[in-house]
Amino acid sequence: LKLPHCKLETLRLSGCQITEEGCSSLVSGLKSNPSHLRQLDLSYNHPGESGVKGLCDQLENPPFRLDTLW
């Protein structure tokens, strides 16, 4: 996600046991290259309070254009 040539539009991480630390890493990648990802599936994970806050903050970032979040 951090590479500028990444064109990933859908990322499905359902049930991957994503924790606060993993969610923080994901948000870091999204901050680096937010313009292509449209669908993100984080269902059945445990992002914790700080992970959810980081994602919410990123969703408010204008270049980030996520259409669907599970």
N, C-alpha and C. Protein backbone atom coordinates (compact mmCIF):
# COMPACT_ATOMS: atom_id res chain seq x y z
N LEU A 1 0.81 -1.21 0.00
CA LEU A 1 0.00 0.00 0.00
C LEU A 1 0.85 1.26 0.00
N LYS A 2 2.04 1.17 0.54
CA LYS A 2 2.88 2.37 0.65
C LYS A 2 3.57 2.74 -0.66
N LEU A 3 3.65 1.82 -1.59
CA LEU A 3 4.34 2.09 -2.85
C LEU A 3 3.47 2.96 -3.75
N PRO A 4 4.04 3.98 -4.38
CA PRO A 4 3.26 4.91 -5.19
C PRO A 4 2.58 4.27 -6.40
N HIS A 5 3.10 3.17 -6.91
CA HIS A 5 2.49 2.52 -8.07
C HIS A 5 1.43 1.49 -7.69
N CYS A 6 1.10 1.36 -6.41
CA CYS A 6 0.07 0.42 -5.96
C CYS A 6 -1.30 0.89 -6.43
N LYS A 7 -2.01 0.04 -7.15
CA LYS A 7 -3.33 0.38 -7.70
C LYS A 7 -4.44 -0.47 -7.08
N LEU A 8 -4.19 -1.02 -5.90
CA LEU A 8 -5.14 -1.90 -5.22
C LEU A 8 -6.45 -1.16 -4.96
N GLU A 9 -7.58 -1.74 -5.39
CA GLU A 9 -8.89 -1.13 -5.19
C GLU A 9 -9.71 -1.84 -4.13
N THR A 10 -9.50 -3.13 -3.93
CA THR A 10 -10.25 -3.91 -2.95
C THR A 10 -9.27 -4.68 -2.07
N LEU A 11 -9.46 -4.55 -0.75
CA LEU A 11 -8.62 -5.26 0.20
C LEU A 11 -9.53 -5.97 1.19
N ARG A 12 -9.50 -7.30 1.18
CA ARG A 12 -10.36 -8.10 2.05
C ARG A 12 -9.51 -8.78 3.11
N LEU A 13 -9.68 -8.33 4.34
CA LEU A 13 -8.92 -8.86 5.46
C LEU A 13 -9.85 -9.45 6.52
N SER A 14 -11.01 -9.89 6.11
CA SER A 14 -12.00 -10.45 7.04
C SER A 14 -11.43 -11.65 7.78
N GLY A 15 -11.57 -11.62 9.11
CA GLY A 15 -11.15 -12.75 9.93
C GLY A 15 -9.65 -12.97 10.00
N CYS A 16 -8.85 -11.96 9.73
CA CYS A 16 -7.39 -12.11 9.75
C CYS A 16 -6.77 -11.76 11.10
N GLN A 17 -7.59 -11.59 12.10
CA GLN A 17 -7.13 -11.27 13.45
C GLN A 17 -6.30 -9.99 13.49
N ILE A 18 -6.75 -8.98 12.75
CA ILE A 18 -6.10 -7.68 12.75
C ILE A 18 -6.30 -7.04 14.13
N THR A 19 -5.22 -6.62 14.74
CA THR A 19 -5.26 -6.00 16.06
C THR A 19 -5.04 -4.49 15.93
N GLU A 20 -4.95 -3.80 17.07
CA GLU A 20 -4.66 -2.36 17.04
C GLU A 20 -3.36 -2.07 16.30
N GLU A 21 -2.34 -2.88 16.56
CA GLU A 21 -1.04 -2.68 15.92
C GLU A 21 -1.15 -2.89 14.40
N GLY A 22 -1.85 -3.94 13.99
CA GLY A 22 -2.04 -4.19 12.56
C GLY A 22 -2.84 -3.10 11.89
N CYS A 23 -3.85 -2.62 12.59
CA CYS A 23 -4.68 -1.55 12.05
C CYS A 23 -3.85 -0.27 11.90
N SER A 24 -2.98 -0.02 12.84
CA SER A 24 -2.09 1.14 12.77
C SER A 24 -1.18 1.04 11.55
N SER A 25 -0.68 -0.14 11.26
CA SER A 25 0.16 -0.34 10.08
C SER A 25 -0.64 -0.13 8.80
N LEU A 26 -1.87 -0.61 8.79
CA LEU A 26 -2.75 -0.43 7.64
C LEU A 26 -3.00 1.06 7.40
N VAL A 27 -3.32 1.79 8.45
CA VAL A 27 -3.57 3.23 8.33
C VAL A 27 -2.32 3.95 7.81
N SER A 28 -1.16 3.53 8.28
CA SER A 28 0.10 4.12 7.80
C SER A 28 0.24 3.94 6.29
N GLY A 29 -0.08 2.75 5.81
CA GLY A 29 -0.03 2.49 4.38
C GLY A 29 -1.04 3.31 3.61
N LEU A 30 -2.23 3.46 4.17
CA LEU A 30 -3.28 4.24 3.51
C LEU A 30 -2.91 5.72 3.44
N LYS A 31 -2.24 6.21 4.46
CA LYS A 31 -1.81 7.61 4.45
C LYS A 31 -0.78 7.86 3.36
N SER A 32 0.03 6.86 3.06
CA SER A 32 1.08 7.01 2.06
C SER A 32 0.53 7.04 0.64
N ASN A 33 -0.56 6.30 0.40
CA ASN A 33 -1.07 6.16 -0.97
C ASN A 33 -2.58 5.89 -0.91
N PRO A 34 -3.38 6.90 -0.57
CA PRO A 34 -4.80 6.66 -0.31
C PRO A 34 -5.73 6.70 -1.52
N SER A 35 -5.26 7.03 -2.69
CA SER A 35 -6.17 7.40 -3.76
C SER A 35 -6.86 6.26 -4.51
N HIS A 36 -6.40 5.01 -4.41
CA HIS A 36 -6.97 3.94 -5.23
C HIS A 36 -7.90 2.99 -4.48
N LEU A 37 -7.68 2.78 -3.20
CA LEU A 37 -8.48 1.81 -2.45
C LEU A 37 -9.93 2.28 -2.34
N ARG A 38 -10.87 1.42 -2.76
CA ARG A 38 -12.29 1.76 -2.73
C ARG A 38 -13.08 0.87 -1.77
N GLN A 39 -12.63 -0.35 -1.54
CA GLN A 39 -13.34 -1.29 -0.67
C GLN A 39 -12.35 -1.89 0.32
N LEU A 40 -12.73 -1.84 1.60
CA LEU A 40 -11.89 -2.38 2.66
C LEU A 40 -12.76 -3.23 3.57
N ASP A 41 -12.43 -4.51 3.69
CA ASP A 41 -13.18 -5.43 4.54
C ASP A 41 -12.33 -5.80 5.75
N LEU A 42 -12.72 -5.26 6.90
CA LEU A 42 -12.05 -5.57 8.16
C LEU A 42 -12.98 -6.29 9.12
N SER A 43 -14.03 -6.91 8.58
CA SER A 43 -15.00 -7.60 9.44
C SER A 43 -14.32 -8.75 10.19
N TYR A 44 -14.84 -9.06 11.35
CA TYR A 44 -14.35 -10.16 12.19
C TYR A 44 -12.88 -10.00 12.56
N ASN A 45 -12.51 -8.77 12.93
CA ASN A 45 -11.17 -8.46 13.41
C ASN A 45 -11.29 -7.74 14.75
N HIS A 46 -10.17 -7.40 15.33
CA HIS A 46 -10.14 -6.74 16.64
C HIS A 46 -9.23 -5.52 16.58
N PRO A 47 -9.67 -4.46 15.85
CA PRO A 47 -8.80 -3.30 15.66
C PRO A 47 -8.62 -2.45 16.92
N GLY A 48 -9.45 -2.65 17.92
CA GLY A 48 -9.33 -1.87 19.15
C GLY A 48 -9.73 -0.41 18.95
N GLU A 49 -9.78 0.30 20.05
CA GLU A 49 -10.22 1.69 20.01
C GLU A 49 -9.28 2.58 19.19
N SER A 50 -7.99 2.43 19.39
CA SER A 50 -7.05 3.29 18.65
C SER A 50 -7.03 2.95 17.16
N GLY A 51 -7.23 1.67 16.82
CA GLY A 51 -7.29 1.28 15.42
C GLY A 51 -8.50 1.87 14.72
N VAL A 52 -9.64 1.83 15.39
CA VAL A 52 -10.87 2.40 14.83
C VAL A 52 -10.71 3.92 14.68
N LYS A 53 -10.13 4.56 15.70
CA LYS A 53 -9.93 6.01 15.63
C LYS A 53 -9.01 6.37 14.47
N GLY A 54 -7.94 5.61 14.28
CA GLY A 54 -7.03 5.87 13.17
C GLY A 54 -7.72 5.74 11.82
N LEU A 55 -8.56 4.72 11.67
CA LEU A 55 -9.31 4.55 10.43
C LEU A 55 -10.30 5.69 10.22
N CYS A 56 -11.00 6.06 11.28
CA CYS A 56 -11.97 7.16 11.18
C CYS A 56 -11.28 8.46 10.79
N ASP A 57 -10.14 8.73 11.39
CA ASP A 57 -9.38 9.93 11.04
C ASP A 57 -8.97 9.90 9.58
N GLN A 58 -8.57 8.74 9.10
CA GLN A 58 -8.16 8.61 7.70
C GLN A 58 -9.35 8.77 6.75
N LEU A 59 -10.52 8.32 7.16
CA LEU A 59 -11.72 8.46 6.32
C LEU A 59 -12.09 9.93 6.11
N GLU A 60 -11.70 10.78 7.04
CA GLU A 60 -11.99 12.21 6.93
C GLU A 60 -10.96 12.94 6.07
N ASN A 61 -9.91 12.26 5.66
CA ASN A 61 -8.86 12.84 4.84
C ASN A 61 -9.35 12.93 3.39
N PRO A 62 -9.46 14.14 2.81
CA PRO A 62 -10.04 14.30 1.47
C PRO A 62 -9.46 13.41 0.37
N PRO A 63 -8.14 13.16 0.28
CA PRO A 63 -7.69 12.29 -0.81
C PRO A 63 -8.14 10.83 -0.67
N PHE A 64 -8.57 10.46 0.53
CA PHE A 64 -8.98 9.07 0.78
C PHE A 64 -10.44 8.92 0.36
N ARG A 65 -10.71 8.09 -0.65
CA ARG A 65 -12.05 7.98 -1.20
C ARG A 65 -12.61 6.56 -1.09
N LEU A 66 -12.67 6.05 0.09
CA LEU A 66 -13.20 4.71 0.32
C LEU A 66 -14.71 4.71 0.12
N ASP A 67 -15.22 3.78 -0.69
CA ASP A 67 -16.66 3.66 -0.94
C ASP A 67 -17.33 2.70 0.04
N THR A 68 -16.65 1.61 0.39
CA THR A 68 -17.25 0.57 1.22
C THR A 68 -16.27 0.13 2.30
N LEU A 69 -16.76 0.10 3.54
CA LEU A 69 -15.98 -0.40 4.67
C LEU A 69 -16.82 -1.42 5.40
N TRP A 70 -16.32 -2.64 5.49
CA TRP A 70 -17.01 -3.69 6.23
C TRP A 70 -16.33 -3.87 7.55
